[in-house]
Amino acid sequence: METRQQIRHYCQQFRMNGIQSELDELIKDAEDRNSGYLEFTVKVLQAEVTHRERNDLSNLLRVAKLPPSCVLTLYDHGVDNGLTKSRMNQLKELNWLDQVYTVILMGPSGTGKTYRAAGLCAEAVNKGYKAYFRTMDELITMLKMKEITRTAKGDYKGLCKADLIVIDDIMLFPVEKATAVTLFNFINQLYEKTSFIITTNKKPAEWAKMSGDEVLATALLDRLLYRCEITNLSGKSYRIQNRKTIFSD
């Protein structure tokens, strides 16, 4: 068996796809540079590490389920809605995540809550944290189905090991008491070891009305506000102010 073919066979056997895909280039580079054995070995292992890190990041981004557009570097900081660029940069450093803080972004529709929450989630994933983005509806559906479907059960297990969970549009619509209890139990299980980013257009005082139970809403807020930074966003909707048109004139 040709030596290169034999190496590829071993790579396939040991699932070293990074080395396998770059083998020819690695050998050519070593020959051109007249590399020693140690240098060549390091290059080969580096190729595998880079490949695996790239795959790991791709998998983390896939399971995070981020919205299509959430790149914070593209955010229009010229819009004055209550969160300065300086404070946004502090949030991007993720020190609060290491300290297991919750961030609540509160304000009317169109003020950048979801964009910023998703952007911070993406920053966390890119820095190696286990971070997930879920709307409240998606989260509740998963919690209801986790004992029924394998997909929901797997998602639940992943969220239970998360460093960060974004819950988008919490209490946007009224929820049944049983649903509110399910949400409370989930957050109560995680709030001391997992950071949350909560986006909402309802003030905390309105949560009781949306959940139909003041005691339950108070208990939920007690957990979320324990270690928490609340940012009130204001202003007009960015989408309305930058509304697209099909006409060129």
C-alpha atoms as a PDB file:
ATOM      1  CA  MET A   1       0.000   0.000   0.000  1.00  0.00           C
ATOM      2  CA  GLU A   2       1.359   3.435  -0.942  1.00  0.00           C
ATOM      3  CA  THR A   3       2.587   5.346   2.114  1.00  0.00           C
ATOM      4  CA  ARG A   4       0.230   8.310   1.659  1.00  0.00           C
ATOM      5  CA  GLN A   5      -2.706   5.995   1.134  1.00  0.00           C
ATOM      6  CA  GLN A   6      -1.727   4.122   4.267  1.00  0.00           C
ATOM      7  CA  ILE A   7      -1.592   7.392   6.245  1.00  0.00           C
ATOM      8  CA  ARG A   8      -5.050   8.339   4.949  1.00  0.00           C
ATOM      9  CA  HIS A   9      -6.323   4.917   5.973  1.00  0.00           C
ATOM     10  CA  TYR A  10      -5.016   5.442   9.506  1.00  0.00           C
ATOM     11  CA  CYS A  11      -6.474   8.951   9.610  1.00  0.00           C
ATOM     12  CA  GLN A  12      -9.849   7.577   8.613  1.00  0.00           C
ATOM     13  CA  GLN A  13      -9.576   4.812  11.181  1.00  0.00           C
ATOM     14  CA  PHE A  14      -8.762   7.248  13.980  1.00  0.00           C
ATOM     15  CA  ARG A  15     -11.102   9.957  12.653  1.00  0.00           C
ATOM     16  CA  MET A  16      -8.330  12.488  12.102  1.00  0.00           C
ATOM     17  CA  ASN A  17     -10.052  14.295   9.261  1.00  0.00           C
ATOM     18  CA  GLY A  18      -7.982  17.459   9.635  1.00  0.00           C
ATOM     19  CA  ILE A  19      -4.760  15.645   8.861  1.00  0.00           C
ATOM     20  CA  GLN A  20      -6.384  13.617   6.096  1.00  0.00           C
ATOM     21  CA  SER A  21      -7.724  16.687   4.271  1.00  0.00           C
ATOM     22  CA  GLU A  22      -4.428  18.600   4.434  1.00  0.00           C
ATOM     23  CA  LEU A  23      -1.952  15.744   4.104  1.00  0.00           C
ATOM     24  CA  ASP A  24      -0.637  16.602   0.635  1.00  0.00           C
ATOM     25  CA  GLU A  25      -0.168  20.267   1.499  1.00  0.00           C
ATOM     26  CA  LEU A  26       1.559  19.396   4.785  1.00  0.00           C
ATOM     27  CA  ILE A  27       4.001  17.066   3.056  1.00  0.00           C
ATOM     28  CA  LYS A  28       4.747  19.561   0.273  1.00  0.00           C
ATOM     29  CA  ASP A  29       5.351  22.340   2.806  1.00  0.00           C
ATOM     30  CA  ALA A  30       7.716  20.083   4.786  1.00  0.00           C
ATOM     31  CA  GLU A  31       9.629  19.149   1.650  1.00  0.00           C
ATOM     32  CA  ASP A  32       9.898  22.782   0.487  1.00  0.00           C
ATOM     33  CA  ARG A  33      11.087  23.942   3.907  1.00  0.00           C
ATOM     34  CA  ASN A  34      13.232  20.881   4.532  1.00  0.00           C
ATOM     35  CA  SER A  35      11.498  20.566   7.906  1.00  0.00           C
ATOM     36  CA  GLY A  36      12.771  18.300  10.651  1.00  0.00           C
ATOM     37  CA  TYR A  37      10.699  15.473  12.086  1.00  0.00           C
ATOM     38  CA  LEU A  38       9.625  17.420  15.161  1.00  0.00           C
ATOM     39  CA  GLU A  39       8.529  20.469  13.185  1.00  0.00           C
ATOM     40  CA  PHE A  40       6.574  18.316  10.743  1.00  0.00           C
ATOM     41  CA  THR A  41       4.894  16.422  13.584  1.00  0.00           C
ATOM     42  CA  VAL A  42       3.821  19.686  15.212  1.00  0.00           C
ATOM     43  CA  LYS A  43       2.389  20.966  11.903  1.00  0.00           C
ATOM     44  CA  VAL A  44       0.433  17.739  11.431  1.00  0.00           C
ATOM     45  CA  LEU A  45      -1.046  17.888  14.930  1.00  0.00           C
ATOM     46  CA  GLN A  46      -1.828  21.596  14.566  1.00  0.00           C
ATOM     47  CA  ALA A  47      -3.817  20.849  11.417  1.00  0.00           C
ATOM     48  CA  GLU A  48      -5.940  18.329  13.308  1.00  0.00           C
ATOM     49  CA  VAL A  49      -6.474  20.659  16.284  1.00  0.00           C
ATOM     50  CA  THR A  50      -7.524  23.534  14.013  1.00  0.00           C
ATOM     51  CA  HIS A  51      -9.938  21.268  12.152  1.00  0.00           C
ATOM     52  CA  ARG A  52     -11.540  20.035  15.370  1.00  0.00           C
ATOM     53  CA  GLU A  53     -11.812  23.507  16.873  1.00  0.00           C
ATOM     54  CA  ARG A  54     -13.511  24.735  13.694  1.00  0.00           C
ATOM     55  CA  ASN A  55     -15.961  21.821  13.805  1.00  0.00           C
ATOM     56  CA  ASP A  56     -16.651  22.345  17.508  1.00  0.00           C
ATOM     57  CA  LEU A  57     -17.463  26.016  16.892  1.00  0.00           C
ATOM     58  CA  SER A  58     -19.703  25.114  13.965  1.00  0.00           C
ATOM     59  CA  ASN A  59     -21.613  22.640  16.140  1.00  0.00           C
ATOM     60  CA  LEU A  60     -21.968  25.146  18.995  1.00  0.00           C
ATOM     61  CA  LEU A  61     -23.363  27.761  16.610  1.00  0.00           C
ATOM     62  CA  ARG A  62     -25.773  25.212  15.118  1.00  0.00           C
ATOM     63  CA  VAL A  63     -27.276  24.143  18.445  1.00  0.00           C
ATOM     64  CA  ALA A  64     -27.360  27.750  19.691  1.00  0.00           C
ATOM     65  CA  LYS A  65     -30.061  28.415  17.039  1.00  0.00           C
ATOM     66  CA  LEU A  66     -29.175  32.073  16.613  1.00  0.00           C
ATOM     67  CA  PRO A  67     -31.238  34.402  14.421  1.00  0.00           C
ATOM     68  CA  PRO A  68     -29.811  34.985  10.914  1.00  0.00           C
ATOM     69  CA  SER A  69     -28.421  38.457  11.632  1.00  0.00           C
ATOM     70  CA  CYS A  70     -26.758  39.034  14.988  1.00  0.00           C
ATOM     71  CA  VAL A  71     -23.261  40.428  14.373  1.00  0.00           C
ATOM     72  CA  LEU A  72     -22.649  43.125  16.973  1.00  0.00           C
ATOM     73  CA  THR A  73     -19.893  44.762  14.929  1.00  0.00           C
ATOM     74  CA  LEU A  74     -22.572  45.704  12.377  1.00  0.00           C
ATOM     75  CA  TYR A  75     -24.914  47.243  14.939  1.00  0.00           C
ATOM     76  CA  ASP A  76     -25.834  50.893  14.358  1.00  0.00           C
ATOM     77  CA  HIS A  77     -24.644  52.599  17.532  1.00  0.00           C
ATOM     78  CA  GLY A  78     -25.848  55.921  16.160  1.00  0.00           C
ATOM     79  CA  VAL A  79     -29.327  54.979  17.327  1.00  0.00           C
ATOM     80  CA  ASP A  80     -29.935  56.445  20.782  1.00  0.00           C
ATOM     81  CA  ASN A  81     -32.103  53.989  22.676  1.00  0.00           C
ATOM     82  CA  GLY A  82     -30.662  53.843  26.168  1.00  0.00           C
ATOM     83  CA  LEU A  83     -27.654  51.525  25.863  1.00  0.00           C
ATOM     84  CA  THR A  84     -24.400  53.298  25.043  1.00  0.00           C
ATOM     85  CA  LYS A  85     -21.640  51.817  22.912  1.00  0.00           C
ATOM     86  CA  SER A  86     -19.384  51.842  25.982  1.00  0.00           C
ATOM     87  CA  ARG A  87     -21.786  49.737  28.018  1.00  0.00           C
ATOM     88  CA  MET A  88     -22.391  47.426  25.081  1.00  0.00           C
ATOM     89  CA  ASN A  89     -18.653  46.854  24.816  1.00  0.00           C
ATOM     90  CA  GLN A  90     -18.563  46.019  28.530  1.00  0.00           C
ATOM     91  CA  LEU A  91     -21.286  43.439  28.003  1.00  0.00           C
ATOM     92  CA  LYS A  92     -19.305  41.982  25.070  1.00  0.00           C
ATOM     93  CA  GLU A  93     -16.367  41.318  27.412  1.00  0.00           C
ATOM     94  CA  LEU A  94     -18.620  38.719  29.120  1.00  0.00           C
ATOM     95  CA  ASN A  95     -17.227  39.263  32.615  1.00  0.00           C
ATOM     96  CA  TRP A  96     -20.816  39.138  33.864  1.00  0.00           C
ATOM     97  CA  LEU A  97     -21.139  35.666  32.350  1.00  0.00           C
ATOM     98  CA  ASP A  98     -18.215  34.381  34.401  1.00  0.00           C
ATOM     99  CA  GLN A  99     -19.913  35.853  37.478  1.00  0.00           C
ATOM    100  CA  VAL A 100     -23.240  34.128  36.620  1.00  0.00           C
ATOM    101  CA  TYR A 101     -25.169  37.369  36.171  1.00  0.00           C
ATOM    102  CA  THR A 102     -28.466  37.768  34.354  1.00  0.00           C
ATOM    103  CA  VAL A 103     -28.985  40.586  31.854  1.00  0.00           C
ATOM    104  CA  ILE A 104     -32.508  41.854  31.215  1.00  0.00           C
ATOM    105  CA  LEU A 105     -33.088  43.985  28.122  1.00  0.00           C
ATOM    106  CA  MET A 106     -36.444  45.678  28.497  1.00  0.00           C
ATOM    107  CA  GLY A 107     -38.198  48.051  26.110  1.00  0.00           C
ATOM    108  CA  PRO A 108     -40.720  48.428  23.296  1.00  0.00           C
ATOM    109  CA  SER A 109     -40.561  46.518  20.021  1.00  0.00           C
ATOM    110  CA  GLY A 110     -37.839  47.549  17.590  1.00  0.00           C
ATOM    111  CA  THR A 111     -35.358  48.962  20.113  1.00  0.00           C
ATOM    112  CA  GLY A 112     -32.705  46.301  19.505  1.00  0.00           C
ATOM    113  CA  LYS A 113     -33.386  43.840  22.325  1.00  0.00           C
ATOM    114  CA  THR A 114     -33.286  40.652  20.262  1.00  0.00           C
ATOM    115  CA  TYR A 115     -30.382  41.801  18.076  1.00  0.00           C
ATOM    116  CA  ARG A 116     -28.209  42.593  21.082  1.00  0.00           C
ATOM    117  CA  ALA A 117     -29.192  39.465  22.981  1.00  0.00           C
ATOM    118  CA  ALA A 118     -28.422  37.267  19.969  1.00  0.00           C
ATOM    119  CA  GLY A 119     -25.182  39.143  19.360  1.00  0.00           C
ATOM    120  CA  LEU A 120     -24.027  38.567  22.932  1.00  0.00           C
ATOM    121  CA  CYS A 121     -24.984  34.910  22.599  1.00  0.00           C
ATOM    122  CA  ALA A 122     -22.860  34.673  19.437  1.00  0.00           C
ATOM    123  CA  GLU A 123     -19.947  36.353  21.239  1.00  0.00           C
ATOM    124  CA  ALA A 124     -20.228  33.744  24.003  1.00  0.00           C
ATOM    125  CA  VAL A 125     -20.266  30.830  21.539  1.00  0.00           C
ATOM    126  CA  ASN A 126     -17.239  32.214  19.692  1.00  0.00           C
ATOM    127  CA  LYS A 127     -15.359  32.406  22.995  1.00  0.00           C
ATOM    128  CA  GLY A 128     -16.079  28.789  23.830  1.00  0.00           C
ATOM    129  CA  TYR A 129     -19.105  29.067  26.107  1.00  0.00           C
ATOM    130  CA  LYS A 130     -22.126  26.800  25.775  1.00  0.00           C
ATOM    131  CA  ALA A 131     -24.751  29.379  24.855  1.00  0.00           C
ATOM    132  CA  TYR A 132     -28.254  28.979  23.462  1.00  0.00           C
ATOM    133  CA  PHE A 133     -30.865  31.322  21.988  1.00  0.00           C
ATOM    134  CA  ARG A 134     -34.529  30.404  22.401  1.00  0.00           C
ATOM    135  CA  THR A 135     -37.758  32.326  22.144  1.00  0.00           C
ATOM    136  CA  MET A 136     -40.072  31.815  25.088  1.00  0.00           C
ATOM    137  CA  ASP A 137     -42.427  29.877  22.827  1.00  0.00           C
ATOM    138  CA  GLU A 138     -39.612  27.535  21.718  1.00  0.00           C
ATOM    139  CA  LEU A 139     -38.472  27.051  25.307  1.00  0.00           C
ATOM    140  CA  ILE A 140     -41.948  26.250  26.610  1.00  0.00           C
ATOM    141  CA  THR A 141     -42.610  23.829  23.733  1.00  0.00           C
ATOM    142  CA  MET A 142     -39.360  22.027  24.488  1.00  0.00           C
ATOM    143  CA  LEU A 143     -40.166  21.791  28.217  1.00  0.00           C
ATOM    144  CA  LYS A 144     -43.583  20.336  27.451  1.00  0.00           C
ATOM    145  CA  MET A 145     -42.183  17.804  24.972  1.00  0.00           C
ATOM    146  CA  LYS A 146     -38.987  16.711  26.738  1.00  0.00           C
ATOM    147  CA  GLU A 147     -40.564  13.524  28.077  1.00  0.00           C
ATOM    148  CA  ILE A 148     -42.161  12.725  24.725  1.00  0.00           C
ATOM    149  CA  THR A 149     -39.626  13.286  21.936  1.00  0.00           C
ATOM    150  CA  ARG A 150     -35.903  12.521  21.726  1.00  0.00           C
ATOM    151  CA  THR A 151     -35.187  15.884  20.093  1.00  0.00           C
ATOM    152  CA  ALA A 152     -36.774  17.852  22.935  1.00  0.00           C
ATOM    153  CA  LYS A 153     -35.078  15.655  25.527  1.00  0.00           C
ATOM    154  CA  GLY A 154     -31.690  16.215  23.915  1.00  0.00           C
ATOM    155  CA  ASP A 155     -32.272  19.964  23.740  1.00  0.00           C
ATOM    156  CA  TYR A 156     -33.287  19.991  27.406  1.00  0.00           C
ATOM    157  CA  LYS A 157     -30.129  18.151  28.453  1.00  0.00           C
ATOM    158  CA  GLY A 158     -28.027  20.647  26.487  1.00  0.00           C
ATOM    159  CA  LEU A 159     -29.713  23.643  28.084  1.00  0.00           C
ATOM    160  CA  CYS A 160     -29.224  22.166  31.553  1.00  0.00           C
ATOM    161  CA  LYS A 161     -25.454  22.273  30.937  1.00  0.00           C
ATOM    162  CA  ALA A 162     -25.463  25.765  29.437  1.00  0.00           C
ATOM    163  CA  ASP A 163     -23.283  28.673  30.486  1.00  0.00           C
ATOM    164  CA  LEU A 164     -25.784  31.105  28.955  1.00  0.00           C
ATOM    165  CA  ILE A 165     -29.415  30.901  27.859  1.00  0.00           C
ATOM    166  CA  VAL A 166     -31.165  33.703  26.007  1.00  0.00           C
ATOM    167  CA  ILE A 167     -34.942  33.760  26.475  1.00  0.00           C
ATOM    168  CA  ASP A 168     -36.344  36.102  23.857  1.00  0.00           C
ATOM    169  CA  ASP A 169     -39.693  37.882  24.292  1.00  0.00           C
ATOM    170  CA  ILE A 170     -40.524  36.491  27.712  1.00  0.00           C
ATOM    171  CA  MET A 171     -44.112  37.234  28.755  1.00  0.00           C
ATOM    172  CA  LEU A 172     -44.912  38.691  25.335  1.00  0.00           C
ATOM    173  CA  PHE A 173     -48.278  36.947  25.484  1.00  0.00           C
ATOM    174  CA  PRO A 174     -50.384  35.786  28.457  1.00  0.00           C
ATOM    175  CA  VAL A 175     -49.506  32.252  29.564  1.00  0.00           C
ATOM    176  CA  GLU A 176     -51.487  29.624  31.421  1.00  0.00           C
ATOM    177  CA  LYS A 177     -50.539  28.989  35.031  1.00  0.00           C
ATOM    178  CA  ALA A 178     -49.280  25.501  34.222  1.00  0.00           C
ATOM    179  CA  THR A 179     -46.968  26.981  31.580  1.00  0.00           C
ATOM    180  CA  ALA A 180     -45.713  29.622  34.019  1.00  0.00           C
ATOM    181  CA  VAL A 181     -45.016  26.877  36.576  1.00  0.00           C
ATOM    182  CA  THR A 182     -43.015  24.932  33.985  1.00  0.00           C
ATOM    183  CA  LEU A 183     -40.938  28.017  33.182  1.00  0.00           C
ATOM    184  CA  PHE A 184     -40.377  28.754  36.875  1.00  0.00           C
ATOM    185  CA  ASN A 185     -39.190  25.220  37.601  1.00  0.00           C
ATOM    186  CA  PHE A 186     -36.715  25.393  34.729  1.00  0.00           C
ATOM    187  CA  ILE A 187     -35.229  28.732  35.789  1.00  0.00           C
ATOM    188  CA  ASN A 188     -35.254  27.744  39.456  1.00  0.00           C
ATOM    189  CA  GLN A 189     -33.169  24.700  38.549  1.00  0.00           C
ATOM    190  CA  LEU A 190     -30.501  26.705  36.736  1.00  0.00           C
ATOM    191  CA  TYR A 191     -30.346  30.309  37.952  1.00  0.00           C
ATOM    192  CA  GLU A 192     -27.426  29.803  40.367  1.00  0.00           C
ATOM    193  CA  LYS A 193     -25.169  28.138  37.790  1.00  0.00           C
ATOM    194  CA  THR A 194     -26.348  29.537  34.445  1.00  0.00           C
ATOM    195  CA  SER A 195     -26.498  33.107  33.173  1.00  0.00           C
ATOM    196  CA  PHE A 196     -29.585  34.333  31.344  1.00  0.00           C
ATOM    197  CA  ILE A 197     -30.287  37.132  28.918  1.00  0.00           C
ATOM    198  CA  ILE A 198     -33.958  38.030  29.038  1.00  0.00           C
ATOM    199  CA  THR A 199     -35.634  40.269  26.484  1.00  0.00           C
ATOM    200  CA  THR A 200     -39.093  41.595  27.232  1.00  0.00           C
ATOM    201  CA  ASN A 201     -41.416  44.461  26.384  1.00  0.00           C
ATOM    202  CA  LYS A 202     -43.194  44.086  29.717  1.00  0.00           C
ATOM    203  CA  LYS A 203     -42.115  45.656  32.990  1.00  0.00           C
ATOM    204  CA  PRO A 204     -41.573  43.161  35.827  1.00  0.00           C
ATOM    205  CA  ALA A 205     -44.708  44.458  37.540  1.00  0.00           C
ATOM    206  CA  GLU A 206     -46.709  43.315  34.493  1.00  0.00           C
ATOM    207  CA  TRP A 207     -45.427  39.738  34.618  1.00  0.00           C
ATOM    208  CA  ALA A 208     -47.984  38.797  37.259  1.00  0.00           C
ATOM    209  CA  LYS A 209     -50.775  39.859  34.928  1.00  0.00           C
ATOM    210  CA  MET A 210     -49.308  37.883  32.025  1.00  0.00           C
ATOM    211  CA  SER A 211     -48.843  34.729  34.115  1.00  0.00           C
ATOM    212  CA  GLY A 212     -52.105  35.038  36.008  1.00  0.00           C
ATOM    213  CA  ASP A 213     -50.377  34.405  39.345  1.00  0.00           C
ATOM    214  CA  GLU A 214     -48.710  37.175  41.339  1.00  0.00           C
ATOM    215  CA  VAL A 215     -46.993  34.799  43.768  1.00  0.00           C
ATOM    216  CA  LEU A 216     -45.494  32.743  40.931  1.00  0.00           C
ATOM    217  CA  ALA A 217     -44.381  35.831  39.003  1.00  0.00           C
ATOM    218  CA  THR A 218     -42.757  37.220  42.160  1.00  0.00           C
ATOM    219  CA  ALA A 219     -40.900  33.957  42.742  1.00  0.00           C
ATOM    220  CA  LEU A 220     -39.698  33.906  39.119  1.00  0.00           C
ATOM    221  CA  LEU A 221     -38.466  37.490  39.307  1.00  0.00           C
ATOM    222  CA  ASP A 222     -36.787  36.776  42.640  1.00  0.00           C
ATOM    223  CA  ARG A 223     -34.559  34.217  40.904  1.00  0.00           C
ATOM    224  CA  LEU A 224     -33.836  36.299  37.824  1.00  0.00           C
ATOM    225  CA  LEU A 225     -33.156  39.538  39.701  1.00  0.00           C
ATOM    226  CA  TYR A 226     -30.859  37.919  42.295  1.00  0.00           C
ATOM    227  CA  ARG A 227     -27.729  38.800  40.302  1.00  0.00           C
ATOM    228  CA  CYS A 228     -28.983  40.955  37.486  1.00  0.00           C
ATOM    229  CA  GLU A 229     -28.353  44.013  35.331  1.00  0.00           C
ATOM    230  CA  ILE A 230     -31.510  45.592  33.923  1.00  0.00           C
ATOM    231  CA  THR A 231     -31.217  47.838  30.881  1.00  0.00           C
ATOM    232  CA  ASN A 232     -34.218  49.891  29.825  1.00  0.00           C
ATOM    233  CA  LEU A 233     -34.233  50.535  26.089  1.00  0.00           C
ATOM    234  CA  SER A 234     -36.337  53.331  24.665  1.00  0.00           C
ATOM    235  CA  GLY A 235     -37.076  55.198  21.453  1.00  0.00           C
ATOM    236  CA  LYS A 236     -38.857  54.448  18.223  1.00  0.00           C
ATOM    237  CA  SER A 237     -38.684  51.168  16.367  1.00  0.00           C
ATOM    238  CA  TYR A 238     -35.523  50.858  14.246  1.00  0.00           C
ATOM    239  CA  ARG A 239     -37.430  48.736  11.739  1.00  0.00           C
ATOM    240  CA  ILE A 240     -40.167  51.336  11.307  1.00  0.00           C
ATOM    241  CA  GLN A 241     -37.664  54.182  10.954  1.00  0.00           C
ATOM    242  CA  ASN A 242     -35.684  52.181   8.377  1.00  0.00           C
ATOM    243  CA  ARG A 243     -38.635  50.637   6.603  1.00  0.00           C
ATOM    244  CA  LYS A 244     -37.788  49.105   3.208  1.00  0.00           C
ATOM    245  CA  THR A 245     -39.656  49.900   0.005  1.00  0.00           C
ATOM    246  CA  ILE A 246     -39.968  48.183  -3.367  1.00  0.00           C
ATOM    247  CA  PHE A 247     -39.843  51.485  -5.242  1.00  0.00           C
ATOM    248  CA  SER A 248     -36.608  53.128  -6.342  1.00  0.00           C
ATOM    249  CA  ASP A 249     -37.931  56.697  -6.173  1.00  0.00           C
END
